[in-house]
PDB file of N, CA and C in Angstrom:
ATOM      1  N   MET A   1      57.540 111.053 231.663  1.00  0.00           N
ATOM      2  CA  MET A   1      56.961 110.253 230.795  1.00  0.00           C
ATOM      3  C   MET A   1      56.737 110.530 229.632  1.00  0.00           C
ATOM      4  N   LYS A   2      57.077 108.872 228.871  1.00  0.00           N
ATOM      5  CA  LYS A   2      57.146 108.789 227.197  1.00  0.00           C
ATOM      6  C   LYS A   2      56.002 109.184 226.273  1.00  0.00           C
ATOM      7  N   HIS A   3      56.478 109.988 225.299  1.00  0.00           N
ATOM      8  CA  HIS A   3      55.957 110.701 224.283  1.00  0.00           C
ATOM      9  C   HIS A   3      55.722 109.589 223.080  1.00  0.00           C
ATOM     10  N   PRO A   4      54.490 109.234 222.653  1.00  0.00           N
ATOM     11  CA  PRO A   4      54.365 108.339 221.597  1.00  0.00           C
ATOM     12  C   PRO A   4      55.203 108.325 220.573  1.00  0.00           C
ATOM     13  N   VAL A   5      55.439 109.903 220.296  1.00  0.00           N
ATOM     14  CA  VAL A   5      55.942 109.738 219.007  1.00  0.00           C
ATOM     15  C   VAL A   5      57.506 109.353 219.027  1.00  0.00           C
ATOM     16  N   ASP A   6      58.204 109.940 220.240  1.00  0.00           N
ATOM     17  CA  ASP A   6      59.380 109.376 220.850  1.00  0.00           C
ATOM     18  C   ASP A   6      59.286 107.712 220.947  1.00  0.00           C
ATOM     19  N   VAL A   7      58.602 107.303 221.394  1.00  0.00           N
ATOM     20  CA  VAL A   7      58.567 105.726 221.567  1.00  0.00           C
ATOM     21  C   VAL A   7      58.723 105.173 220.052  1.00  0.00           C
ATOM     22  N   HIS A   8      57.400 105.592 218.815  1.00  0.00           N
ATOM     23  CA  HIS A   8      57.689 105.141 217.744  1.00  0.00           C
ATOM     24  C   HIS A   8      58.952 105.042 217.228  1.00  0.00           C
ATOM     25  N   VAL A   9      59.539 106.224 217.199  1.00  0.00           N
ATOM     26  CA  VAL A   9      61.011 106.517 216.849  1.00  0.00           C
ATOM     27  C   VAL A   9      62.056 105.954 217.177  1.00  0.00           C
ATOM     28  N   GLY A  10      62.114 105.623 218.405  1.00  0.00           N
ATOM     29  CA  GLY A  10      63.115 104.432 218.625  1.00  0.00           C
ATOM     30  C   GLY A  10      62.985 103.387 218.408  1.00  0.00           C
ATOM     31  N   LYS A  11      61.502 103.059 218.137  1.00  0.00           N
ATOM     32  CA  LYS A  11      61.458 101.400 217.744  1.00  0.00           C
ATOM     33  C   LYS A  11      62.075 100.946 216.306  1.00  0.00           C
ATOM     34  N   ARG A  12      61.441 102.207 215.585  1.00  0.00           N
ATOM     35  CA  ARG A  12      62.231 102.562 214.119  1.00  0.00           C
ATOM     36  C   ARG A  12      64.024 102.262 213.948  1.00  0.00           C
ATOM     37  N   VAL A  13      64.806 103.355 214.845  1.00  0.00           N
ATOM     38  CA  VAL A  13      65.697 102.998 215.170  1.00  0.00           C
ATOM     39  C   VAL A  13      66.403 101.773 214.971  1.00  0.00           C
ATOM     40  N   ARG A  14      66.068 100.996 216.650  1.00  0.00           N
ATOM     41  CA  ARG A  14      66.416  99.521 216.851  1.00  0.00           C
ATOM     42  C   ARG A  14      66.001  98.941 215.884  1.00  0.00           C
ATOM     43  N   HIS A  15      64.951  98.628 215.255  1.00  0.00           N
ATOM     44  CA  HIS A  15      64.162  97.932 213.996  1.00  0.00           C
ATOM     45  C   HIS A  15      65.418  97.878 212.771  1.00  0.00           C
ATOM     46  N   ARG A  16      65.418  99.369 212.418  1.00  0.00           N
ATOM     47  CA  ARG A  16      66.904  99.402 211.495  1.00  0.00           C
ATOM     48  C   ARG A  16      67.693  99.143 211.472  1.00  0.00           C
ATOM     49  N   ARG A  17      68.455  99.808 213.115  1.00  0.00           N
ATOM     50  CA  ARG A  17      69.824  99.025 213.615  1.00  0.00           C
ATOM     51  C   ARG A  17      70.298  97.732 213.441  1.00  0.00           C
ATOM     52  N   TRP A  18      69.262  96.813 213.819  1.00  0.00           N
ATOM     53  CA  TRP A  18      69.415  95.447 214.141  1.00  0.00           C
ATOM     54  C   TRP A  18      69.114  94.719 212.445  1.00  0.00           C
ATOM     55  N   MET A  19      67.701  95.417 211.928  1.00  0.00           N
ATOM     56  CA  MET A  19      68.134  95.205 210.298  1.00  0.00           C
ATOM     57  C   MET A  19      69.792  95.044 209.275  1.00  0.00           C
ATOM     58  N   VAL A  20      70.192  95.990 209.454  1.00  0.00           N
ATOM     59  CA  VAL A  20      71.335  96.686 209.195  1.00  0.00           C
ATOM     60  C   VAL A  20      72.743  95.517 210.010  1.00  0.00           C
ATOM     61  N   GLY A  21      72.521  94.939 211.015  1.00  0.00           N
ATOM     62  CA  GLY A  21      73.564  93.806 211.461  1.00  0.00           C
ATOM     63  C   GLY A  21      74.348  95.493 212.740  1.00  0.00           C
ATOM     64  N   MET A  22      73.981  95.618 213.152  1.00  0.00           N
ATOM     65  CA  MET A  22      74.689  96.773 213.753  1.00  0.00           C
ATOM     66  C   MET A  22      74.566  96.634 215.265  1.00  0.00           C
ATOM     67  N   THR A  23      75.251  96.688 216.245  1.00  0.00           N
ATOM     68  CA  THR A  23      75.073  96.732 217.588  1.00  0.00           C
ATOM     69  C   THR A  23      74.864  98.354 218.303  1.00  0.00           C
ATOM     70  N   GLN A  24      74.537  98.470 218.903  1.00  0.00           N
ATOM     71  CA  GLN A  24      73.993 100.099 219.722  1.00  0.00           C
ATOM     72  C   GLN A  24      75.299 100.252 220.066  1.00  0.00           C
ATOM     73  N   GLN A  25      76.410  99.761 220.388  1.00  0.00           N
ATOM     74  CA  GLN A  25      77.842 100.176 220.215  1.00  0.00           C
ATOM     75  C   GLN A  25      78.393 100.746 218.777  1.00  0.00           C
ATOM     76  N   GLN A  26      78.263 100.523 218.022  1.00  0.00           N
ATOM     77  CA  GLN A  26      78.464 100.731 216.527  1.00  0.00           C
ATOM     78  C   GLN A  26      77.962 101.988 216.259  1.00  0.00           C
ATOM     79  N   LEU A  27      76.865 101.786 216.529  1.00  0.00           N
ATOM     80  CA  LEU A  27      75.804 103.242 215.854  1.00  0.00           C
ATOM     81  C   LEU A  27      76.157 104.239 216.994  1.00  0.00           C
ATOM     82  N   GLY A  28      76.231 104.305 218.101  1.00  0.00           N
ATOM     83  CA  GLY A  28      76.269 105.299 219.424  1.00  0.00           C
ATOM     84  C   GLY A  28      78.537 105.260 218.612  1.00  0.00           C
ATOM     85  N   ASP A  29      78.967 104.925 218.140  1.00  0.00           N
ATOM     86  CA  ASP A  29      80.243 104.993 217.920  1.00  0.00           C
ATOM     87  C   ASP A  29      80.756 106.064 217.056  1.00  0.00           C
ATOM     88  N   ILE A  30      79.561 105.524 215.483  1.00  0.00           N
ATOM     89  CA  ILE A  30      79.607 106.590 214.424  1.00  0.00           C
ATOM     90  C   ILE A  30      78.687 107.596 214.611  1.00  0.00           C
ATOM     91  N   VAL A  31      77.769 108.377 215.284  1.00  0.00           N
ATOM     92  CA  VAL A  31      77.303 109.096 215.825  1.00  0.00           C
ATOM     93  C   VAL A  31      77.656 110.225 216.949  1.00  0.00           C
ATOM     94  N   GLY A  32      78.943 109.349 217.423  1.00  0.00           N
ATOM     95  CA  GLY A  32      79.812 109.732 218.529  1.00  0.00           C
ATOM     96  C   GLY A  32      79.126 110.396 219.685  1.00  0.00           C
ATOM     97  N   ILE A  33      78.453 109.207 220.460  1.00  0.00           N
ATOM     98  CA  ILE A  33      77.765 109.146 221.573  1.00  0.00           C
ATOM     99  C   ILE A  33      77.841 107.849 222.173  1.00  0.00           C
ATOM    100  N   LYS A  34      77.567 107.760 223.358  1.00  0.00           N
ATOM    101  CA  LYS A  34      77.559 106.147 224.162  1.00  0.00           C
ATOM    102  C   LYS A  34      76.765 105.537 224.066  1.00  0.00           C
ATOM    103  N   PHE A  35      76.546 103.978 223.793  1.00  0.00           N
ATOM    104  CA  PHE A  35      75.958 103.055 223.502  1.00  0.00           C
ATOM    105  C   PHE A  35      74.458 103.575 224.736  1.00  0.00           C
ATOM    106  N   GLN A  36      75.006 104.092 225.982  1.00  0.00           N
ATOM    107  CA  GLN A  36      73.490 103.853 226.722  1.00  0.00           C
ATOM    108  C   GLN A  36      72.574 104.772 226.458  1.00  0.00           C
ATOM    109  N   GLN A  37      72.895 106.163 225.893  1.00  0.00           N
ATOM    110  CA  GLN A  37      72.137 106.960 225.055  1.00  0.00           C
ATOM    111  C   GLN A  37      71.334 106.233 223.429  1.00  0.00           C
ATOM    112  N   ILE A  38      72.072 105.225 223.043  1.00  0.00           N
ATOM    113  CA  ILE A  38      71.415 104.913 221.984  1.00  0.00           C
ATOM    114  C   ILE A  38      70.434 103.764 222.654  1.00  0.00           C
ATOM    115  N   GLN A  39      70.659 103.413 223.659  1.00  0.00           N
ATOM    116  CA  GLN A  39      69.387 102.375 224.380  1.00  0.00           C
ATOM    117  C   GLN A  39      68.209 103.373 224.621  1.00  0.00           C
ATOM    118  N   LYS A  40      68.487 104.413 224.913  1.00  0.00           N
ATOM    119  CA  LYS A  40      67.716 105.578 225.605  1.00  0.00           C
ATOM    120  C   LYS A  40      66.494 105.840 224.966  1.00  0.00           C
ATOM    121  N   TYR A  41      67.084 106.253 223.580  1.00  0.00           N
ATOM    122  CA  TYR A  41      66.797 106.700 222.355  1.00  0.00           C
ATOM    123  C   TYR A  41      65.510 105.703 221.978  1.00  0.00           C
ATOM    124  N   GLU A  42      66.292 104.068 222.269  1.00  0.00           N
ATOM    125  CA  GLU A  42      65.952 103.001 221.548  1.00  0.00           C
ATOM    126  C   GLU A  42      63.870 102.815 222.238  1.00  0.00           C
ATOM    127  N   THR A  43      64.316 103.275 223.534  1.00  0.00           N
ATOM    128  CA  THR A  43      63.375 102.772 224.743  1.00  0.00           C
ATOM    129  C   THR A  43      62.190 104.106 224.096  1.00  0.00           C
ATOM    130  N   GLY A  44      62.527 105.161 223.505  1.00  0.00           N
ATOM    131  CA  GLY A  44      62.129 106.096 224.292  1.00  0.00           C
ATOM    132  C   GLY A  44      61.766 107.135 225.415  1.00  0.00           C
ATOM    133  N   MET A  45      62.802 106.689 226.069  1.00  0.00           N
ATOM    134  CA  MET A  45      63.283 107.209 227.220  1.00  0.00           C
ATOM    135  C   MET A  45      63.785 108.764 227.277  1.00  0.00           C
ATOM    136  N   ASN A  46      64.412 108.750 226.007  1.00  0.00           N
ATOM    137  CA  ASN A  46      64.861 110.033 225.493  1.00  0.00           C
ATOM    138  C   ASN A  46      64.523 110.565 224.340  1.00  0.00           C
ATOM    139  N   ARG A  47      64.674 112.016 224.288  1.00  0.00           N
ATOM    140  CA  ARG A  47      64.349 112.003 223.209  1.00  0.00           C
ATOM    141  C   ARG A  47      65.470 112.360 221.959  1.00  0.00           C
ATOM    142  N   ILE A  48      65.375 112.307 220.763  1.00  0.00           N
ATOM    143  CA  ILE A  48      66.387 112.476 219.608  1.00  0.00           C
ATOM    144  C   ILE A  48      66.206 113.886 219.305  1.00  0.00           C
ATOM    145  N   SER A  49      66.972 114.766 219.311  1.00  0.00           N
ATOM    146  CA  SER A  49      67.169 115.719 218.503  1.00  0.00           C
ATOM    147  C   SER A  49      67.400 115.627 217.750  1.00  0.00           C
ATOM    148  N   ALA A  50      67.075 116.722 216.628  1.00  0.00           N
ATOM    149  CA  ALA A  50      66.784 116.635 214.800  1.00  0.00           C
ATOM    150  C   ALA A  50      68.110 116.330 213.941  1.00  0.00           C
ATOM    151  N   SER A  51      69.223 117.109 215.027  1.00  0.00           N
ATOM    152  CA  SER A  51      70.512 116.869 214.504  1.00  0.00           C
ATOM    153  C   SER A  51      71.142 115.641 214.751  1.00  0.00           C
ATOM    154  N   ARG A  52      70.765 115.117 216.133  1.00  0.00           N
ATOM    155  CA  ARG A  52      71.018 113.566 216.381  1.00  0.00           C
ATOM    156  C   ARG A  52      70.354 112.475 215.684  1.00  0.00           C
ATOM    157  N   LEU A  53      68.929 112.660 215.152  1.00  0.00           N
ATOM    158  CA  LEU A  53      68.291 112.142 214.441  1.00  0.00           C
ATOM    159  C   LEU A  53      68.832 111.723 212.869  1.00  0.00           C
ATOM    160  N   TRP A  54      69.397 113.116 212.546  1.00  0.00           N
ATOM    161  CA  TRP A  54      69.601 113.257 211.417  1.00  0.00           C
ATOM    162  C   TRP A  54      71.635 112.638 210.920  1.00  0.00           C
ATOM    163  N   ASP A  55      72.168 112.125 211.985  1.00  0.00           N
ATOM    164  CA  ASP A  55      73.288 111.623 212.449  1.00  0.00           C
ATOM    165  C   ASP A  55      73.157 109.899 212.123  1.00  0.00           C
ATOM    166  N   ILE A  56      71.640 109.848 212.935  1.00  0.00           N
ATOM    167  CA  ILE A  56      71.461 108.623 212.600  1.00  0.00           C
ATOM    168  C   ILE A  56      70.803 107.700 211.738  1.00  0.00           C
ATOM    169  N   ALA A  57      70.567 108.737 210.681  1.00  0.00           N
ATOM    170  CA  ALA A  57      69.535 108.407 209.877  1.00  0.00           C
ATOM    171  C   ALA A  57      70.882 108.306 208.688  1.00  0.00           C
ATOM    172  N   GLN A  58      71.692 108.943 208.681  1.00  0.00           N
ATOM    173  CA  GLN A  58      72.811 109.031 208.259  1.00  0.00           C
ATOM    174  C   GLN A  58      73.779 107.366 207.880  1.00  0.00           C
ATOM    175  N   ALA A  59      73.796 106.793 209.223  1.00  0.00           N
ATOM    176  CA  ALA A  59      74.486 106.176 210.165  1.00  0.00           C
ATOM    177  C   ALA A  59      74.023 104.797 209.386  1.00  0.00           C
ATOM    178  N   LEU A  60      72.578 104.832 209.577  1.00  0.00           N
ATOM    179  CA  LEU A  60      71.847 103.743 208.899  1.00  0.00           C
ATOM    180  C   LEU A  60      71.472 103.383 207.675  1.00  0.00           C
ATOM    181  N   ASP A  61      71.641 104.484 206.954  1.00  0.00           N
ATOM    182  CA  ASP A  61      71.299 104.422 205.679  1.00  0.00           C
ATOM    183  C   ASP A  61      69.528 104.517 205.301  1.00  0.00           C
ATOM    184  N   VAL A  62      69.204 105.639 206.169  1.00  0.00           N
ATOM    185  CA  VAL A  62      67.867 105.415 205.401  1.00  0.00           C
ATOM    186  C   VAL A  62      67.454 107.080 205.219  1.00  0.00           C
ATOM    187  N   SER A  63      66.308 107.169 204.978  1.00  0.00           N
ATOM    188  CA  SER A  63      65.901 109.455 205.275  1.00  0.00           C
ATOM    189  C   SER A  63      65.374 109.162 206.873  1.00  0.00           C
ATOM    190  N   ILE A  64      65.358 110.684 206.765  1.00  0.00           N
ATOM    191  CA  ILE A  64      64.643 110.457 208.371  1.00  0.00           C
ATOM    192  C   ILE A  64      63.318 110.488 208.540  1.00  0.00           C
ATOM    193  N   SER A  65      62.641 110.622 207.160  1.00  0.00           N
ATOM    194  CA  SER A  65      61.051 110.503 207.175  1.00  0.00           C
ATOM    195  C   SER A  65      60.904 108.867 207.476  1.00  0.00           C
ATOM    196  N   PHE A  66      61.790 107.736 207.553  1.00  0.00           N
ATOM    197  CA  PHE A  66      62.030 106.441 207.207  1.00  0.00           C
ATOM    198  C   PHE A  66      61.433 106.124 209.329  1.00  0.00           C
ATOM    199  N   PHE A  67      61.815 106.831 209.664  1.00  0.00           N
ATOM    200  CA  PHE A  67      61.646 106.604 211.375  1.00  0.00           C
ATOM    201  C   PHE A  67      60.109 106.971 211.940  1.00  0.00           C
ATOM    202  N   PHE A  68      59.342 108.289 210.947  1.00  0.00           N
ATOM    203  CA  PHE A  68      58.166 108.629 211.092  1.00  0.00           C
ATOM    204  C   PHE A  68      57.130 107.559 210.627  1.00  0.00           C
ATOM    205  N   GLU A  69      57.344 106.632 209.787  1.00  0.00           N
ATOM    206  CA  GLU A  69      56.636 106.099 209.212  1.00  0.00           C
ATOM    207  C   GLU A  69      55.463 105.366 209.417  1.00  0.00           C
ATOM    208  N   GLY A  70      53.949 104.995 209.763  1.00  0.00           N
ATOM    209  CA  GLY A  70      53.622 104.209 210.166  1.00  0.00           C
ATOM    210  C   GLY A  70      53.045 104.940 211.421  1.00  0.00           C
ATOM    211  N   PHE A  71      53.511 106.419 211.476  1.00  0.00           N
ATOM    212  CA  PHE A  71      52.691 106.875 212.942  1.00  0.00           C
ATOM    213  C   PHE A  71      51.996 107.702 211.932  1.00  0.00           C
ATOM    214  N   GLU A  72      50.289 108.014 212.665  1.00  0.00           N
ATOM    215  CA  GLU A  72      49.717 108.750 212.108  1.00  0.00           C
ATOM    216  C   GLU A  72      49.696 110.257 212.850  1.00  0.00           C
ATOM    217  N   GLY A  73      49.605 111.558 212.376  1.00  0.00           N
ATOM    218  CA  GLY A  73      49.859 112.396 212.991  1.00  0.00           C
ATOM    219  C   GLY A  73      48.070 113.125 214.078  1.00  0.00           C
ATOM    220  N   ALA A  74      48.758 114.109 214.712  1.00  0.00           N
ATOM    221  CA  ALA A  74      47.665 114.202 215.657  1.00  0.00           C
ATOM    222  C   ALA A  74      45.879 114.596 215.232  1.00  0.00           C
ATOM    223  N   GLU A  75      45.165 113.894 215.284  1.00  0.00           N
ATOM    224  CA  GLU A  75      43.767 114.493 214.992  1.00  0.00           C
ATOM    225  C   GLU A  75      43.447 115.573 215.599  1.00  0.00           C
ATOM    226  N   GLU A  76      42.315 116.681 214.989  1.00  0.00           N
ATOM    227  CA  GLU A  76      42.007 117.715 215.796  1.00  0.00           C
ATOM    228  C   GLU A  76      41.346 117.435 217.278  1.00  0.00           C
ATOM    229  N   GLY A  77      42.057 118.069 218.067  1.00  0.00           N
ATOM    230  CA  GLY A  77      41.721 118.072 219.354  1.00  0.00           C
ATOM    231  C   GLY A  77      42.630 116.764 220.525  1.00  0.00           C
ATOM    232  N   GLN A  78      43.446 116.261 219.859  1.00  0.00           N
ATOM    233  CA  GLN A  78      44.134 115.385 220.247  1.00  0.00           C
ATOM    234  C   GLN A  78      45.252 115.733 220.662  1.00  0.00           C
ATOM    235  N   GLU A  79      46.185 115.801 222.126  1.00  0.00           N
ATOM    236  CA  GLU A  79      47.379 116.022 222.113  1.00  0.00           C
ATOM    237  C   GLU A  79      48.375 114.929 221.598  1.00  0.00           C
ATOM    238  N   THR A  80      47.954 113.611 221.308  1.00  0.00           N
ATOM    239  CA  THR A  80      49.400 112.794 220.805  1.00  0.00           C
ATOM    240  C   THR A  80      48.272 112.141 219.674  1.00  0.00           C
ATOM    241  N   ALA A  81      49.314 111.206 219.060  1.00  0.00           N
ATOM    242  CA  ALA A  81      48.896 110.858 217.709  1.00  0.00           C
ATOM    243  C   ALA A  81      49.215 109.179 218.715  1.00  0.00           C
ATOM    244  N   ALA A  82      48.734 108.282 217.928  1.00  0.00           N
ATOM    245  CA  ALA A  82      48.924 106.492 217.816  1.00  0.00           C
ATOM    246  C   ALA A  82      49.210 106.342 216.860  1.00  0.00           C
ATOM    247  N   PRO A  83      49.986 104.960 217.185  1.00  0.00           N
ATOM    248  CA  PRO A  83      50.958 104.243 215.421  1.00  0.00           C
ATOM    249  C   PRO A  83      49.312 104.096 214.832  1.00  0.00           C
ATOM    250  N   ALA A  84      49.531 103.639 213.172  1.00  0.00           N
ATOM    251  CA  ALA A  84      48.421 103.468 212.223  1.00  0.00           C
ATOM    252  C   ALA A  84      48.342 101.463 212.812  1.00  0.00           C
ATOM    253  N   SER A  85      47.155 101.034 212.574  1.00  0.00           N
ATOM    254  CA  SER A  85      46.557  99.962 212.786  1.00  0.00           C
ATOM    255  C   SER A  85      47.444  99.023 212.627  1.00  0.00           C
ATOM    256  N   SER A  86      47.681  99.244 211.321  1.00  0.00           N
ATOM    257  CA  SER A  86      48.694  98.107 210.092  1.00  0.00           C
ATOM    258  C   SER A  86      50.616  98.634 210.907  1.00  0.00           C
ATOM    259  N   GLU A  87      50.738  99.456 211.662  1.00  0.00           N
ATOM    260  CA  GLU A  87      52.093  99.819 211.907  1.00  0.00           C
ATOM    261  C   GLU A  87      52.219  99.069 213.384  1.00  0.00           C
ATOM    262  N   ALA A  88      51.034  99.229 214.217  1.00  0.00           N
ATOM    263  CA  ALA A  88      51.020  98.892 215.515  1.00  0.00           C
ATOM    264  C   ALA A  88      50.958  97.045 215.061  1.00  0.00           C
ATOM    265  N   GLN A  89      50.453  96.170 214.405  1.00  0.00           N
ATOM    266  CA  GLN A  89      50.544  95.112 214.064  1.00  0.00           C
ATOM    267  C   GLN A  89      51.688  94.648 213.491  1.00  0.00           C
ATOM    268  N   ARG A  90      52.608  95.697 212.709  1.00  0.00           N
ATOM    269  CA  ARG A  90      53.932  95.230 211.728  1.00  0.00           C
ATOM    270  C   ARG A  90      54.667  95.598 213.052  1.00  0.00           C
ATOM    271  N   GLY A  91      54.598  96.496 213.730  1.00  0.00           N
ATOM    272  CA  GLY A  91      55.659  96.483 215.512  1.00  0.00           C
ATOM    273  C   GLY A  91      55.346  95.637 216.035  1.00  0.00           C
ATOM    274  N   ASP A  92      54.225  94.906 216.231  1.00  0.00           N
ATOM    275  CA  ASP A  92      54.218  93.794 216.884  1.00  0.00           C
ATOM    276  C   ASP A  92      55.412  92.668 216.444  1.00  0.00           C
ATOM    277  N   LEU A  93      55.338  92.662 215.179  1.00  0.00           N
ATOM    278  CA  LEU A  93      55.782  91.538 214.173  1.00  0.00           C
ATOM    279  C   LEU A  93      57.522  91.512 214.509  1.00  0.00           C
ATOM    280  N   LEU A  94      57.779  92.989 214.258  1.00  0.00           N
ATOM    281  CA  LEU A  94      59.108  93.535 214.314  1.00  0.00           C
ATOM    282  C   LEU A  94      59.582  93.248 215.726  1.00  0.00           C
ATOM    283  N   ALA A  95      59.445  93.415 216.948  1.00  0.00           N
ATOM    284  CA  ALA A  95      59.665  93.376 218.018  1.00  0.00           C
ATOM    285  C   ALA A  95      59.920  91.367 218.542  1.00  0.00           C
ATOM    286  N   ASP A  96      59.472  90.763 217.480  1.00  0.00           N
ATOM    287  CA  ASP A  96      59.753  89.382 217.509  1.00  0.00           C
ATOM    288  C   ASP A  96      60.877  89.107 216.796  1.00  0.00           C
ATOM    289  N   LYS A  97      62.200  88.894 217.785  1.00  0.00           N
ATOM    290  CA  LYS A  97      63.891  88.504 217.226  1.00  0.00           C
ATOM    291  C   LYS A  97      63.605  87.462 216.082  1.00  0.00           C
ATOM    292  N   GLU A  98      62.674  86.377 216.040  1.00  0.00           N
ATOM    293  CA  GLU A  98      62.634  85.800 215.106  1.00  0.00           C
ATOM    294  C   GLU A  98      62.427  86.280 213.541  1.00  0.00           C
ATOM    295  N   ALA A  99      60.958  86.846 214.025  1.00  0.00           N
ATOM    296  CA  ALA A  99      61.248  87.718 212.783  1.00  0.00           C
ATOM    297  C   ALA A  99      61.737  88.595 212.028  1.00  0.00           C
ATOM    298  N   LEU A 100      62.408  89.058 213.250  1.00  0.00           N
ATOM    299  CA  LEU A 100      63.816  89.957 212.744  1.00  0.00           C
ATOM    300  C   LEU A 100      64.683  89.282 211.762  1.00  0.00           C
ATOM    301  N   GLU A 101      65.480  87.963 212.419  1.00  0.00           N
ATOM    302  CA  GLU A 101      66.292  87.019 211.774  1.00  0.00           C
ATOM    303  C   GLU A 101      65.545  86.741 210.496  1.00  0.00           C
ATOM    304  N   LEU A 102      64.654  86.327 210.320  1.00  0.00           N
ATOM    305  CA  LEU A 102      63.805  85.854 208.773  1.00  0.00           C
ATOM    306  C   LEU A 102      64.126  86.830 208.114  1.00  0.00           C
ATOM    307  N   VAL A 103      63.818  88.120 208.358  1.00  0.00           N
ATOM    308  CA  VAL A 103      63.848  89.145 207.430  1.00  0.00           C
ATOM    309  C   VAL A 103      64.982  89.622 207.077  1.00  0.00           C
ATOM    310  N   ARG A 104      65.976  89.364 208.340  1.00  0.00           N
ATOM    311  CA  ARG A 104      67.265  89.816 207.698  1.00  0.00           C
ATOM    312  C   ARG A 104      68.102  88.692 207.222  1.00  0.00           C
ATOM    313  N   SER A 105      68.060  87.350 206.744  1.00  0.00           N
ATOM    314  CA  SER A 105      68.477  86.478 206.755  1.00  0.00           C
ATOM    315  C   SER A 105      67.742  86.694 205.498  1.00  0.00           C
ATOM    316  N   TYR A 106      66.642  86.918 204.979  1.00  0.00           N
ATOM    317  CA  TYR A 106      65.590  86.662 204.125  1.00  0.00           C
ATOM    318  C   TYR A 106      66.494  87.603 202.983  1.00  0.00           C
ATOM    319  N   TYR A 107      66.780  88.952 203.292  1.00  0.00           N
ATOM    320  CA  TYR A 107      67.525  90.137 202.445  1.00  0.00           C
ATOM    321  C   TYR A 107      69.133  89.260 202.347  1.00  0.00           C
ATOM    322  N   ALA A 108      69.145  88.738 203.406  1.00  0.00           N
ATOM    323  CA  ALA A 108      71.144  88.126 202.593  1.00  0.00           C
ATOM    324  C   ALA A 108      71.339  87.251 201.451  1.00  0.00           C
ATOM    325  N   ILE A 109      70.056  86.533 200.742  1.00  0.00           N
ATOM    326  CA  ILE A 109      69.829  85.934 200.117  1.00  0.00           C
ATOM    327  C   ILE A 109      69.997  86.579 198.925  1.00  0.00           C
ATOM    328  N   PRO A 110      70.573  86.356 198.004  1.00  0.00           N
ATOM    329  CA  PRO A 110      70.790  86.975 196.604  1.00  0.00           C
ATOM    330  C   PRO A 110      69.607  86.903 196.024  1.00  0.00           C
ATOM    331  N   GLU A 111      69.431  87.993 194.942  1.00  0.00           N
ATOM    332  CA  GLU A 111      68.200  88.431 194.387  1.00  0.00           C
ATOM    333  C   GLU A 111      67.215  87.460 194.026  1.00  0.00           C
ATOM    334  N   THR A 112      67.952  86.779 193.120  1.00  0.00           N
ATOM    335  CA  THR A 112      67.581  85.818 192.187  1.00  0.00           C
ATOM    336  C   THR A 112      66.226  84.379 193.094  1.00  0.00           C
ATOM    337  N   GLN A 113      67.458  83.909 193.634  1.00  0.00           N
ATOM    338  CA  GLN A 113      67.294  82.788 194.709  1.00  0.00           C
ATOM    339  C   GLN A 113      65.900  83.638 195.868  1.00  0.00           C
ATOM    340  N   ARG A 114      65.807  85.036 195.868  1.00  0.00           N
ATOM    341  CA  ARG A 114      65.166  85.272 196.966  1.00  0.00           C
ATOM    342  C   ARG A 114      63.918  85.355 196.301  1.00  0.00           C
ATOM    343  N   ARG A 115      63.724  85.851 195.223  1.00  0.00           N
ATOM    344  CA  ARG A 115      62.735  85.538 194.477  1.00  0.00           C
ATOM    345  C   ARG A 115      61.872  84.285 194.350  1.00  0.00           C
ATOM    346  N   ARG A 116      62.780  83.471 194.101  1.00  0.00           N
ATOM    347  CA  ARG A 116      61.673  82.034 193.836  1.00  0.00           C
ATOM    348  C   ARG A 116      61.469  82.027 195.200  1.00  0.00           C
ATOM    349  N   LEU A 117      62.149  82.095 196.317  1.00  0.00           N
ATOM    350  CA  LEU A 117      61.943  81.889 198.042  1.00  0.00           C
ATOM    351  C   LEU A 117      60.998  82.644 198.205  1.00  0.00           C
ATOM    352  N   PHE A 118      60.176  83.766 197.910  1.00  0.00           N
ATOM    353  CA  PHE A 118      59.121  84.641 197.911  1.00  0.00           C
ATOM    354  C   PHE A 118      58.351  84.020 197.438  1.00  0.00           C
ATOM    355  N   ASP A 119      58.306  83.575 195.956  1.00  0.00           N
ATOM    356  CA  ASP A 119      56.987  82.717 195.277  1.00  0.00           C
ATOM    357  C   ASP A 119      56.557  81.559 196.092  1.00  0.00           C
ATOM    358  N   LEU A 120      57.728  81.072 196.257  1.00  0.00           N
ATOM    359  CA  LEU A 120      57.287  79.560 197.140  1.00  0.00           C
ATOM    360  C   LEU A 120      56.475  79.963 198.562  1.00  0.00           C
ATOM    361  N   ALA A 121      57.095  81.069 199.065  1.00  0.00           N
ATOM    362  CA  ALA A 121      56.277  81.270 200.614  1.00  0.00           C
ATOM    363  C   ALA A 121      55.061  81.539 200.244  1.00  0.00           C
ATOM    364  N   ARG A 122      54.327  82.292 199.508  1.00  0.00           N
ATOM    365  CA  ARG A 122      53.429  83.399 198.691  1.00  0.00           C
ATOM    366  C   ARG A 122      52.331  82.052 198.617  1.00  0.00           C
ATOM    367  N   VAL A 123      52.936  80.423 197.464  1.00  0.00           N
ATOM    368  CA  VAL A 123      52.155  79.215 197.005  1.00  0.00           C
ATOM    369  C   VAL A 123      51.893  78.675 198.588  1.00  0.00           C
ATOM    370  N   LEU A 124      52.777  78.385 199.248  1.00  0.00           N
ATOM    371  CA  LEU A 124      52.686  77.610 200.587  1.00  0.00           C
ATOM    372  C   LEU A 124      51.632  78.299 201.359  1.00  0.00           C
ATOM    373  N   SER A 125      51.878  79.647 201.922  1.00  0.00           N
ATOM    374  CA  SER A 125      50.576  80.282 202.383  1.00  0.00           C
ATOM    375  C   SER A 125      49.250  80.558 201.986  1.00  0.00           C
ATOM    376  N   ASP A 126      49.277  80.468 200.742  1.00  0.00           N
ATOM    377  CA  ASP A 126      47.727  80.587 199.920  1.00  0.00           C
ATOM    378  C   ASP A 126      47.519  78.958 199.988  1.00  0.00           C
ATOM    379  N   VAL A 127      48.385  77.878 200.325  1.00  0.00           N
ATOM    380  CA  VAL A 127      47.462  76.241 200.431  1.00  0.00           C
ATOM    381  C   VAL A 127      46.952  76.144 202.228  1.00  0.00           C
ATOM    382  N   ALA A 128      47.660  76.686 202.648  1.00  0.00           N
ATOM    383  CA  ALA A 128      47.849  76.583 204.589  1.00  0.00           C
ATOM    384  C   ALA A 128      45.955  77.233 204.910  1.00  0.00           C
TER     385      ALA A 128
END
């Protein structure tokens, strides 16, 4: 049975890998494992050891804490935790390939133009 923490961490690995434009094969090559193992990590089927998570964080250029962001700790008397409600909503958004492509494309735009696009999007969303 998949543990909620393993699923959450796996999703964060997949999202970050996708955001930097890296394939499972490329990530696997960098950390010295097969892409099938990356698949298992990303689905939460297999747990990621501390040392492997360190390697993945280095490869994806994030801190280890990045993989746990949005996950609330277990409350008294609970064995497992659930994702924070805002993270659950954001997680659903990030599961949408179109939304991920949009974010990735957005960050590929030079900063000054990106800021103008952001301002335009904000104005358009206020009007709607």
